[in-house]
Amino acid sequence: MSIKISALQYVREIKSGNLSAEDFISKTMDRIQKIDDTLHAFLSLNEKAVDQAREIDKKIKSGEKIGQCFGMPISIKDNICIKDTKTTCASKMLENFVAPYDATVITKLKQQDAIFVGKVNLDEFAMGLSTEFSAYGPSKNPWNTDYVPGGSSGGSAVSVSAFECVASLGSDTGGSVRNPASFCSTVGYKPTYGLISRYGLISYANSIEQIGPLTRTVEDAAFMLNLISGHDSNDNTTVDNKNEDYLKDIDSGIEGKKIGIIKEMIGEGIDPIVLSATRDAISKLEGLGAICEEISLDMVKYSVAAYYTITATEAGSNLARYDNLRYGYDFSVEGYEFNSYIEKARKKLGPEVTRRMILGGFVPSAGHAGKYFLKALKIKSKLTRQINEAFEKFDLLISPTVPILPFRIGEKINDPVALFLVDINTVTANLTGKPAISIPYSISNGLPIGMQLIANSMNDKLLLQAAYALEKTVKLPEVPI
């Protein structure tokens, strides 16, 4: 049996007796060992994975109650805590940090008998959109290893795309699930804010970040959402979704649905190839019975500036704990002199984290808060009002996930502004708390292009139905690696 199957295919094969968890996990671990030296998706591996799979098989044979995952291999972004496992955030500051507890999403997946095959790479503290800012080296795009896989959840996208697992969990603060999903040709889901608990996710920007699944298919994303969504007493921002079944009626179609084409997301700066793919996707949606019309959200052009101002401010606060006293300490410094510790801390944090910490200290400071931070909050408020008004007219909104094709490793690393602008189409969903999904749509010159759909808050089920309908119009080649 091939390991190149979806999560739901895995479940069906296990249930039918055509597949054993031990065999599948063994082959998955063998594949990781074979190709990950090239791709560098993983930062650490679960050495007990095969033994855990063997126990799953025993439970199945004995007729014991078994969770819905049946031992399927899942990778976890290394900023989500798994008890007694290293959680580094791809930073030297946390290189020896072992999580003392499970994140809520991990607890839920363990209850469903998932097997975590390893922790995967990211931009340090999830700050970046190419996975080049990992302290342990960049991950590489499995479609062309000279190119970035996107970020910050690059390791998650690579591991799914390259068949090193059947699904992964990432985190999305400004597109960090959807961006690498687009660049690596996987499905990437950013839920309504509060739908998935953030307890156990090492914080970057609390007010807008979310954990989200990366999968092979839209159905798999719905399956994962069923398992990990819902209210959590450990996270007061979570919402009660009344145990919604996101898989039910996923094939309902989109006939009669109104879809807004966001004018500002297909304008200046978009690659002509991406624009052509977007127009083709719109045509296919119309062929499925949707009504597509252009809409203007003029606050989108300010969204990236507002996003980086707000997130840097929150990051500056969250990162204050990494002072080399509570984390990352080294008692080899003679005299225990405070400035020596601070100097060591600076060396443990990479350039992108340092850049955002400095920005996060500056923009909310006395004399500058009104000029920068408060203005960013006003833009966020106006953008939310605009998109809410749009959803009075439209059921969904569409844009390309990223306005450009994947770029070469090193091409933009020294140009922070150019990197920031890659987020132009994804940050709106985060700033407004809306659910959004990236669907693999086409391959151009060997590089993937993803389409983004956005829905109104708590309309995640409708969003998945629309994404499923669009996905069914596309047939893409298998990743070459």
Protein backbone atom coordinates (compact mmCIF):
# COMPACT_ATOMS: atom_id res chain seq x y z
CA MET A 1 0.00 0.00 0.00
CA SER A 2 1.35 3.41 -0.97
CA ILE A 3 1.77 6.07 1.71
CA LYS A 4 0.76 8.68 -0.87
CA ILE A 5 -2.83 8.87 0.29
CA SER A 6 -5.06 11.38 2.07
CA ALA A 7 -6.06 11.26 5.74
CA LEU A 8 -9.56 10.01 4.97
CA GLN A 9 -8.20 7.40 2.55
CA TYR A 10 -5.94 6.23 5.38
CA VAL A 11 -8.95 5.88 7.72
CA ARG A 12 -10.91 3.91 5.10
CA GLU A 13 -8.00 1.55 4.41
CA ILE A 14 -7.40 0.92 8.12
CA LYS A 15 -11.11 0.25 8.72
CA SER A 16 -11.27 -2.18 5.79
CA GLY A 17 -8.27 -4.12 7.07
CA ASN A 18 -6.20 -3.38 3.97
CA LEU A 19 -3.63 -1.44 5.97
CA SER A 20 -1.88 -1.67 9.32
CA ALA A 21 -0.85 1.42 11.26
CA GLU A 22 2.56 -0.10 11.97
CA ASP A 23 3.29 -0.72 8.30
CA PHE A 24 2.15 2.75 7.29
CA ILE A 25 4.10 4.53 10.02
CA SER A 26 7.20 2.44 9.26
CA LYS A 27 7.06 3.40 5.59
CA THR A 28 6.42 7.04 6.51
CA MET A 29 9.46 7.14 8.81
CA ASP A 30 11.55 5.47 6.09
CA ARG A 31 10.49 8.15 3.62
CA ILE A 32 11.41 10.91 6.06
CA GLN A 33 14.84 9.35 6.54
CA LYS A 34 15.25 9.09 2.78
CA ILE A 35 14.26 12.59 1.64
CA ASP A 36 14.39 14.95 4.61
CA ASP A 37 18.12 15.58 4.42
CA THR A 38 17.24 17.37 1.18
CA LEU A 39 14.00 19.07 2.27
CA HIS A 40 14.74 19.78 5.95
CA ALA A 41 11.08 19.80 6.95
CA PHE A 42 11.69 18.16 10.36
CA LEU A 43 13.56 19.51 13.38
CA SER A 44 13.00 16.37 15.46
CA LEU A 45 11.46 12.93 15.02
CA ASN A 46 9.36 10.75 17.29
CA GLU A 47 11.50 7.66 17.87
CA LYS A 48 8.54 5.85 19.45
CA ALA A 49 6.22 6.32 16.47
CA VAL A 50 6.45 2.73 15.19
CA ASP A 51 5.90 1.30 18.69
CA GLN A 52 2.86 3.58 19.11
CA ALA A 53 1.49 2.35 15.77
CA ARG A 54 1.95 -1.26 16.88
CA GLU A 55 -0.18 -0.52 19.95
CA ILE A 56 -2.87 1.01 17.72
CA ASP A 57 -2.99 -2.20 15.67
CA LYS A 58 -3.36 -4.24 18.86
CA LYS A 59 -6.30 -2.07 19.96
CA ILE A 60 -7.96 -2.50 16.56
CA LYS A 61 -7.52 -6.29 16.56
CA SER A 62 -8.82 -6.66 20.11
CA GLY A 63 -11.91 -4.60 19.35
CA GLU A 64 -11.03 -1.83 21.80
CA LYS A 65 -12.49 1.61 21.26
CA ILE A 66 -10.25 3.51 18.85
CA GLY A 67 -10.00 7.19 18.02
CA GLN A 68 -10.93 8.62 14.63
CA CYS A 69 -7.29 9.02 13.54
CA PHE A 70 -6.46 5.28 13.79
CA GLY A 71 -2.75 6.04 14.23
CA MET A 72 -2.38 8.34 11.22
CA PRO A 73 0.97 10.18 11.03
CA ILE A 74 0.71 13.92 11.71
CA SER A 75 3.52 16.47 11.90
CA ILE A 76 3.40 19.43 14.31
CA LYS A 77 4.86 22.90 13.83
CA ASP A 78 7.56 23.38 16.45
CA ASN A 79 5.80 26.25 18.22
CA ILE A 80 2.99 23.98 19.48
CA CYS A 81 3.72 22.24 22.78
CA ILE A 82 3.84 18.45 23.11
CA LYS A 83 4.54 17.30 26.66
CA ASP A 84 8.06 15.98 27.29
CA THR A 85 9.08 16.96 23.75
CA LYS A 86 11.44 19.70 22.64
CA THR A 87 9.61 22.79 21.44
CA THR A 88 12.20 25.16 19.98
CA CYS A 89 10.24 27.65 17.84
CA ALA A 90 13.25 27.17 15.50
CA SER A 91 15.22 29.45 17.83
CA LYS A 92 18.51 29.00 19.67
CA MET A 93 16.80 30.65 22.64
CA LEU A 94 14.61 27.55 23.11
CA GLU A 95 16.97 24.89 21.73
CA ASN A 96 16.82 22.94 25.01
CA PHE A 97 13.26 23.76 26.08
CA VAL A 98 11.11 20.69 26.77
CA ALA A 99 7.39 21.44 26.97
CA PRO A 100 5.85 20.56 30.38
CA TYR A 101 2.32 20.18 29.02
CA ASP A 102 0.30 19.44 25.88
CA ALA A 103 -1.39 22.12 23.81
CA THR A 104 -5.16 21.64 23.67
CA VAL A 105 -5.00 20.61 20.00
CA ILE A 106 -2.42 17.96 20.92
CA THR A 107 -4.60 16.64 23.74
CA LYS A 108 -7.54 16.37 21.33
CA LEU A 109 -5.51 14.55 18.68
CA LYS A 110 -4.04 12.17 21.25
CA GLN A 111 -7.59 11.31 22.33
CA GLN A 112 -8.28 10.40 18.69
CA ASP A 113 -5.18 8.16 18.48
CA ALA A 114 -3.10 10.34 16.19
CA ILE A 115 0.64 9.65 16.02
CA PHE A 116 2.96 12.65 15.91
CA VAL A 117 5.88 11.69 13.69
CA GLY A 118 7.88 14.80 14.53
CA LYS A 119 8.15 18.54 15.02
CA VAL A 120 8.62 20.58 11.83
CA ASN A 121 10.55 23.66 10.83
CA LEU A 122 9.37 27.28 10.83
CA ASP A 123 10.64 30.81 10.70
CA GLU A 124 12.00 31.61 14.16
CA PHE A 125 9.09 32.28 16.54
CA ALA A 126 6.85 32.09 13.44
CA MET A 127 8.15 35.45 12.19
CA GLY A 128 8.67 35.23 8.45
CA LEU A 129 7.11 33.94 5.26
CA SER A 130 9.79 31.77 3.68
CA THR A 131 11.13 29.54 6.52
CA GLU A 132 14.54 31.06 5.79
CA PHE A 133 14.65 32.62 9.25
CA SER A 134 14.84 29.30 11.10
CA ALA A 135 17.90 29.14 13.34
CA TYR A 136 18.40 25.58 12.06
CA GLY A 137 18.41 26.37 8.35
CA PRO A 138 15.68 26.76 5.73
CA SER A 139 13.26 24.14 4.53
CA LYS A 140 13.10 23.63 0.77
CA ASN A 141 10.17 23.49 -1.59
CA PRO A 142 9.60 19.87 -2.70
CA TRP A 143 8.47 21.07 -6.15
CA ASN A 144 11.85 22.71 -6.72
CA THR A 145 14.43 22.67 -3.95
CA ASP A 146 16.01 25.92 -5.15
CA TYR A 147 12.83 27.70 -4.03
CA VAL A 148 11.34 28.61 -0.66
CA PRO A 149 8.35 26.63 0.65
CA GLY A 150 6.71 29.73 2.10
CA GLY A 151 6.30 30.39 5.78
CA SER A 152 6.21 30.55 8.60
CA SER A 153 4.67 27.04 8.58
CA GLY A 154 7.05 25.93 5.82
CA GLY A 155 7.99 22.65 7.48
CA SER A 156 4.32 21.73 7.86
CA ALA A 157 3.57 22.36 4.19
CA VAL A 158 6.69 20.54 2.99
CA SER A 159 5.97 17.48 5.15
CA VAL A 160 2.42 17.18 3.78
CA SER A 161 3.33 17.94 0.17
CA ALA A 162 6.25 15.47 0.17
CA PHE A 163 4.21 12.62 1.75
CA GLU A 164 6.16 12.65 5.02
CA CYS A 165 2.83 12.64 6.91
CA VAL A 166 -0.86 12.76 6.00
CA ALA A 167 -1.61 16.06 7.77
CA SER A 168 0.07 18.76 9.81
CA LEU A 169 -0.76 21.53 12.24
CA GLY A 170 0.65 25.00 11.64
CA SER A 171 -0.12 28.47 12.92
CA ASP A 172 -1.40 31.41 10.90
CA THR A 173 -0.81 35.00 12.07
CA GLY A 174 -0.83 36.76 8.71
CA GLY A 175 -1.01 33.88 6.26
CA SER A 176 1.53 31.49 7.75
CA VAL A 177 -0.62 28.42 7.00
CA ARG A 178 -2.07 29.61 3.68
CA ASN A 179 1.16 31.05 2.22
CA PRO A 180 3.20 27.80 2.43
CA ALA A 181 0.12 25.80 1.43
CA SER A 182 0.00 27.86 -1.77
CA PHE A 183 3.75 27.56 -2.40
CA CYS A 184 3.79 23.78 -1.79
CA SER A 185 0.41 22.83 -3.35
CA THR A 186 -1.41 21.69 -0.21
CA VAL A 187 -4.65 22.79 1.41
CA GLY A 188 -4.12 25.33 4.20
CA TYR A 189 -6.94 26.34 6.54
CA LYS A 190 -7.12 29.40 8.77
CA PRO A 191 -10.30 29.10 10.89
CA THR A 192 -12.56 31.78 12.32
CA TYR A 193 -10.70 33.44 15.18
CA GLY A 194 -11.47 31.46 18.33
CA LEU A 195 -12.65 28.30 16.61
CA ILE A 196 -9.45 26.42 17.56
CA SER A 197 -7.81 26.86 20.96
CA ARG A 198 -4.44 28.60 21.09
CA TYR A 199 -3.59 27.11 24.49
CA GLY A 200 -0.13 25.62 24.14
CA LEU A 201 0.76 27.64 21.04
CA ILE A 202 3.80 29.78 21.84
CA SER A 203 2.47 33.26 21.30
CA TYR A 204 3.50 35.63 18.53
CA ALA A 205 0.52 38.00 18.23
CA ASN A 206 -2.36 36.77 20.38
CA SER A 207 -5.14 38.90 18.94
CA ILE A 208 -4.95 37.50 15.41
CA GLU A 209 -2.98 34.22 15.32
CA GLN A 210 -4.67 30.84 14.94
CA ILE A 211 -3.69 27.19 14.72
CA GLY A 212 -4.80 25.61 11.45
CA PRO A 213 -4.44 22.32 9.57
CA LEU A 214 -2.44 21.69 6.38
CA THR A 215 -3.73 18.69 4.44
CA ARG A 216 -3.84 17.04 1.02
CA THR A 217 -7.54 17.65 0.44
CA VAL A 218 -10.33 19.95 1.56
CA GLU A 219 -12.14 16.94 3.05
CA ASP A 220 -9.06 16.23 5.16
CA ALA A 221 -9.08 19.84 6.40
CA ALA A 222 -12.73 19.45 7.42
CA PHE A 223 -11.89 16.16 9.15
CA MET A 224 -9.09 17.81 11.12
CA LEU A 225 -11.31 20.75 12.00
CA ASN A 226 -13.90 18.34 13.43
CA LEU A 227 -11.25 16.94 15.76
CA ILE A 228 -9.56 20.09 17.07
CA SER A 229 -12.20 22.86 17.07
CA GLY A 230 -14.48 24.01 19.87
CA HIS A 231 -14.53 25.83 23.18
CA ASP A 232 -11.59 25.41 25.57
CA SER A 233 -11.70 26.55 29.19
CA ASN A 234 -7.95 27.22 28.97
CA ASP A 235 -8.46 29.81 26.20
CA ASN A 236 -11.10 32.46 26.84
CA THR A 237 -11.01 33.60 23.20
CA THR A 238 -12.44 30.28 22.00
CA VAL A 239 -16.02 29.97 20.77
CA ASP A 240 -18.57 27.18 21.06
CA ASN A 241 -19.19 25.72 17.61
CA LYS A 242 -21.89 23.35 18.95
CA ASN A 243 -19.92 20.32 17.69
CA GLU A 244 -20.46 21.31 14.07
CA ASP A 245 -19.67 18.50 11.61
CA TYR A 246 -17.67 20.19 8.86
CA LEU A 247 -17.58 17.04 6.73
CA LYS A 248 -21.35 16.70 6.57
CA ASP A 249 -22.79 17.99 3.26
CA ILE A 250 -19.35 19.16 2.13
CA ASP A 251 -20.39 18.28 -1.42
CA SER A 252 -23.44 20.60 -1.35
CA GLY A 253 -22.03 22.79 -4.13
CA ILE A 254 -22.12 26.55 -4.56
CA GLU A 255 -24.92 27.11 -7.04
CA GLY A 256 -26.46 30.53 -6.45
CA LYS A 257 -23.73 31.67 -4.06
CA LYS A 258 -22.39 35.20 -4.59
CA ILE A 259 -18.62 35.53 -4.63
CA GLY A 260 -16.80 38.86 -4.46
CA ILE A 261 -13.55 39.24 -6.41
CA ILE A 262 -11.35 41.52 -4.28
CA LYS A 263 -10.12 44.17 -6.72
CA GLU A 264 -7.15 45.23 -4.57
CA MET A 265 -5.84 41.64 -4.43
CA ILE A 266 -5.59 41.18 -8.20
CA GLY A 267 -4.15 44.57 -9.10
CA GLU A 268 -0.71 46.14 -8.96
CA GLY A 269 2.14 43.73 -8.21
CA ILE A 270 0.37 40.51 -9.18
CA ASP A 271 2.28 38.10 -11.39
CA PRO A 272 0.49 37.76 -14.78
CA ILE A 273 0.58 33.96 -14.45
CA VAL A 274 -1.13 34.15 -11.04
CA LEU A 275 -3.70 36.60 -12.44
CA SER A 276 -4.47 34.26 -15.33
CA ALA A 277 -4.95 31.33 -12.90
CA THR A 278 -7.26 33.49 -10.77
CA ARG A 279 -9.44 34.40 -13.74
CA ASP A 280 -9.60 30.73 -14.68
CA ALA A 281 -10.70 29.80 -11.14
CA ILE A 282 -13.40 32.49 -11.22
CA SER A 283 -14.64 31.10 -14.54
CA LYS A 284 -14.84 27.60 -13.05
CA LEU A 285 -16.79 28.87 -10.04
CA GLU A 286 -19.23 30.57 -12.39
CA GLY A 287 -19.52 27.30 -14.28
CA LEU A 288 -20.55 25.68 -10.98
CA GLY A 289 -23.40 28.17 -10.65
CA ALA A 290 -21.78 30.87 -8.51
CA ILE A 291 -22.31 34.55 -9.27
CA CYS A 292 -18.95 36.37 -9.26
CA GLU A 293 -18.63 40.16 -9.18
CA GLU A 294 -15.74 42.51 -8.45
CA ILE A 295 -15.69 44.35 -5.13
CA SER A 296 -13.38 47.06 -3.79
CA LEU A 297 -11.98 46.95 -0.25
CA ASP A 298 -9.82 50.05 -0.32
CA MET A 299 -8.48 49.50 3.21
CA VAL A 300 -6.64 46.40 1.93
CA LYS A 301 -3.84 48.62 0.64
CA TYR A 302 -3.09 49.68 4.22
CA SER A 303 -3.51 46.21 5.69
CA VAL A 304 0.13 45.07 5.55
CA ALA A 305 1.39 48.22 7.31
CA ALA A 306 -1.32 47.88 9.97
CA TYR A 307 -0.63 44.16 10.36
CA TYR A 308 3.11 44.55 10.95
CA THR A 309 2.59 47.46 13.35
CA ILE A 310 0.07 45.52 15.47
CA THR A 311 1.90 42.19 15.39
CA ALA A 312 5.28 43.75 16.17
CA THR A 313 3.76 45.46 19.19
CA GLU A 314 2.29 42.20 20.49
CA ALA A 315 5.45 40.27 19.63
CA GLY A 316 7.59 42.80 21.49
CA SER A 317 5.50 42.15 24.58
CA ASN A 318 5.43 38.36 24.18
CA LEU A 319 9.16 38.12 23.51
CA ALA A 320 10.09 40.12 26.60
CA ARG A 321 10.24 36.84 28.55
CA TYR A 322 13.19 35.66 26.43
CA ASP A 323 15.76 37.64 28.40
CA ASN A 324 18.25 34.77 28.85
CA LEU A 325 17.25 34.51 32.51
CA ARG A 326 14.08 32.42 32.23
CA TYR A 327 14.91 30.79 28.88
CA GLY A 328 18.18 30.14 27.07
CA TYR A 329 20.38 30.83 30.10
CA ASP A 330 24.02 29.88 30.27
CA PHE A 331 25.65 30.00 33.69
CA SER A 332 29.14 29.79 32.23
CA VAL A 333 29.30 33.59 32.31
CA GLU A 334 31.59 34.52 35.19
CA GLY A 335 30.19 36.84 37.80
CA TYR A 336 26.59 36.45 36.60
CA GLU A 337 26.71 40.05 35.38
CA PHE A 338 23.34 41.15 33.94
CA ASN A 339 24.64 42.83 30.79
CA SER A 340 26.52 39.67 29.88
CA TYR A 341 23.27 37.71 29.96
CA ILE A 342 21.54 40.29 27.79
CA GLU A 343 24.41 40.17 25.30
CA LYS A 344 24.07 36.39 25.11
CA ALA A 345 20.32 36.71 24.62
CA ARG A 346 20.83 38.99 21.63
CA LYS A 347 23.06 36.39 20.04
CA LYS A 348 20.41 33.70 20.55
CA LEU A 349 17.73 35.62 18.64
CA GLY A 350 17.86 35.89 14.84
CA PRO A 351 17.66 39.01 12.64
CA GLU A 352 13.92 38.87 11.86
CA VAL A 353 12.92 38.39 15.50
CA THR A 354 15.28 41.19 16.54
CA ARG A 355 13.86 43.47 13.85
CA ARG A 356 10.28 42.93 15.01
CA MET A 357 11.18 43.29 18.70
CA ILE A 358 12.79 46.67 18.02
CA LEU A 359 9.79 47.75 15.95
CA GLY A 360 7.47 46.44 18.67
CA GLY A 361 9.21 48.56 21.26
CA PHE A 362 9.15 51.69 19.11
CA VAL A 363 5.63 51.92 17.65
CA PRO A 364 3.65 51.87 20.93
CA SER A 365 6.12 54.07 22.82
CA ALA A 366 5.31 57.49 24.24
CA GLY A 367 5.25 60.07 21.47
CA HIS A 368 4.76 57.48 18.73
CA ALA A 369 1.73 55.43 19.78
CA GLY A 370 -0.77 57.83 18.22
CA LYS A 371 1.18 58.09 15.00
CA TYR A 372 1.64 54.35 14.50
CA PHE A 373 -0.07 51.88 16.82
CA LEU A 374 -3.40 53.65 17.31
CA LYS A 375 -3.57 54.43 13.60
CA ALA A 376 -2.99 50.74 12.84
CA LEU A 377 -5.86 49.82 15.15
CA LYS A 378 -8.11 52.30 13.31
CA ILE A 379 -7.20 50.69 9.98
CA LYS A 380 -7.99 47.26 11.47
CA SER A 381 -11.37 48.57 12.62
CA LYS A 382 -12.19 50.16 9.25
CA LEU A 383 -11.09 47.05 7.36
CA THR A 384 -13.32 44.89 9.58
CA ARG A 385 -16.25 47.21 8.95
CA GLN A 386 -15.63 47.11 5.19
CA ILE A 387 -15.42 43.33 5.00
CA ASN A 388 -18.51 42.93 7.18
CA GLU A 389 -20.38 45.19 4.75
CA ALA A 390 -19.07 43.07 1.87
CA PHE A 391 -20.53 39.96 3.48
CA GLU A 392 -23.94 41.60 3.54
CA LYS A 393 -23.82 41.34 -0.26
CA PHE A 394 -21.56 38.33 -0.85
CA ASP A 395 -21.36 34.82 0.60
CA LEU A 396 -17.63 34.47 -0.11
CA LEU A 397 -14.63 36.44 -1.33
CA ILE A 398 -11.89 35.19 -3.66
CA SER A 399 -8.30 36.14 -4.47
CA PRO A 400 -5.05 34.38 -5.25
CA THR A 401 -3.50 33.27 -1.95
CA VAL A 402 -0.18 34.90 -2.83
CA PRO A 403 0.18 37.41 -5.68
CA ILE A 404 3.48 35.92 -6.86
CA LEU A 405 4.96 32.48 -7.56
CA PRO A 406 7.40 30.91 -5.07
CA PHE A 407 10.76 32.70 -5.17
CA ARG A 408 14.31 31.40 -4.93
CA ILE A 409 15.97 30.82 -1.57
CA GLY A 410 17.94 33.98 -0.71
CA GLU A 411 16.16 36.12 -3.31
CA LYS A 412 14.26 38.35 -0.87
CA ILE A 413 15.90 37.65 2.47
CA ASN A 414 17.71 40.99 2.58
CA ASP A 415 14.66 43.01 1.54
CA PRO A 416 12.19 42.97 4.46
CA VAL A 417 9.69 45.27 2.73
CA ALA A 418 9.50 43.03 -0.34
CA LEU A 419 8.97 40.04 1.95
CA PHE A 420 6.26 41.85 3.94
CA LEU A 421 4.32 42.63 0.76
CA VAL A 422 4.00 38.92 -0.03
CA ASP A 423 1.37 38.94 2.77
CA ILE A 424 -0.89 41.48 1.00
CA ASN A 425 -3.67 38.96 0.21
CA THR A 426 -3.61 36.94 3.42
CA VAL A 427 -3.44 39.44 6.32
CA THR A 428 -7.01 40.70 5.84
CA ALA A 429 -8.52 37.44 7.15
CA ASN A 430 -6.34 37.64 10.27
CA LEU A 431 -6.98 41.30 11.01
CA THR A 432 -10.74 40.74 10.71
CA GLY A 433 -10.97 37.29 12.32
CA LYS A 434 -12.50 35.68 9.21
CA PRO A 435 -11.93 32.08 8.11
CA ALA A 436 -9.86 31.60 4.94
CA ILE A 437 -8.53 28.67 2.96
CA SER A 438 -5.87 28.15 0.30
CA ILE A 439 -6.65 25.49 -2.30
CA PRO A 440 -4.01 24.09 -4.69
CA TYR A 441 -5.07 25.34 -8.10
CA SER A 442 -2.37 25.04 -10.73
CA ILE A 443 1.31 24.41 -11.44
CA SER A 444 3.22 26.88 -13.63
CA ASN A 445 6.78 26.15 -14.73
CA GLY A 446 6.93 23.54 -11.99
CA LEU A 447 5.81 25.95 -9.25
CA PRO A 448 2.44 25.84 -7.43
CA ILE A 449 -0.29 28.50 -7.34
CA GLY A 450 -3.02 28.52 -4.69
CA MET A 451 -6.46 30.17 -4.63
CA GLN A 452 -7.84 31.79 -1.49
CA LEU A 453 -11.48 31.86 -0.42
CA ILE A 454 -12.66 33.92 2.58
CA ALA A 455 -15.98 33.60 4.41
CA ASN A 456 -17.74 35.51 7.16
CA SER A 457 -17.03 34.63 10.80
CA MET A 458 -18.35 31.19 11.84
CA ASN A 459 -19.25 30.36 8.23
CA ASP A 460 -16.43 27.82 8.12
CA LYS A 461 -18.75 25.11 6.85
CA LEU A 462 -19.81 27.17 3.82
CA LEU A 463 -16.15 28.01 3.16
CA LEU A 464 -15.20 24.33 3.11
CA GLN A 465 -18.13 23.49 0.81
CA ALA A 466 -16.99 26.16 -1.68
CA ALA A 467 -13.36 25.06 -1.44
CA TYR A 468 -14.38 21.45 -2.03
CA ALA A 469 -16.36 22.45 -5.11
CA LEU A 470 -13.41 24.38 -6.57
CA GLU A 471 -10.95 21.61 -5.68
CA LYS A 472 -13.02 19.11 -7.68
CA THR A 473 -12.46 21.14 -10.88
CA VAL A 474 -8.68 20.70 -10.64
CA LYS A 475 -6.38 17.76 -11.28
CA LEU A 476 -2.73 18.41 -10.43
CA PRO A 477 0.43 16.35 -10.92
CA GLU A 478 2.11 14.61 -8.00
CA VAL A 479 5.05 16.30 -6.31
CA PRO A 480 8.23 15.27 -8.16
CA ILE A 481 10.41 14.39 -5.19
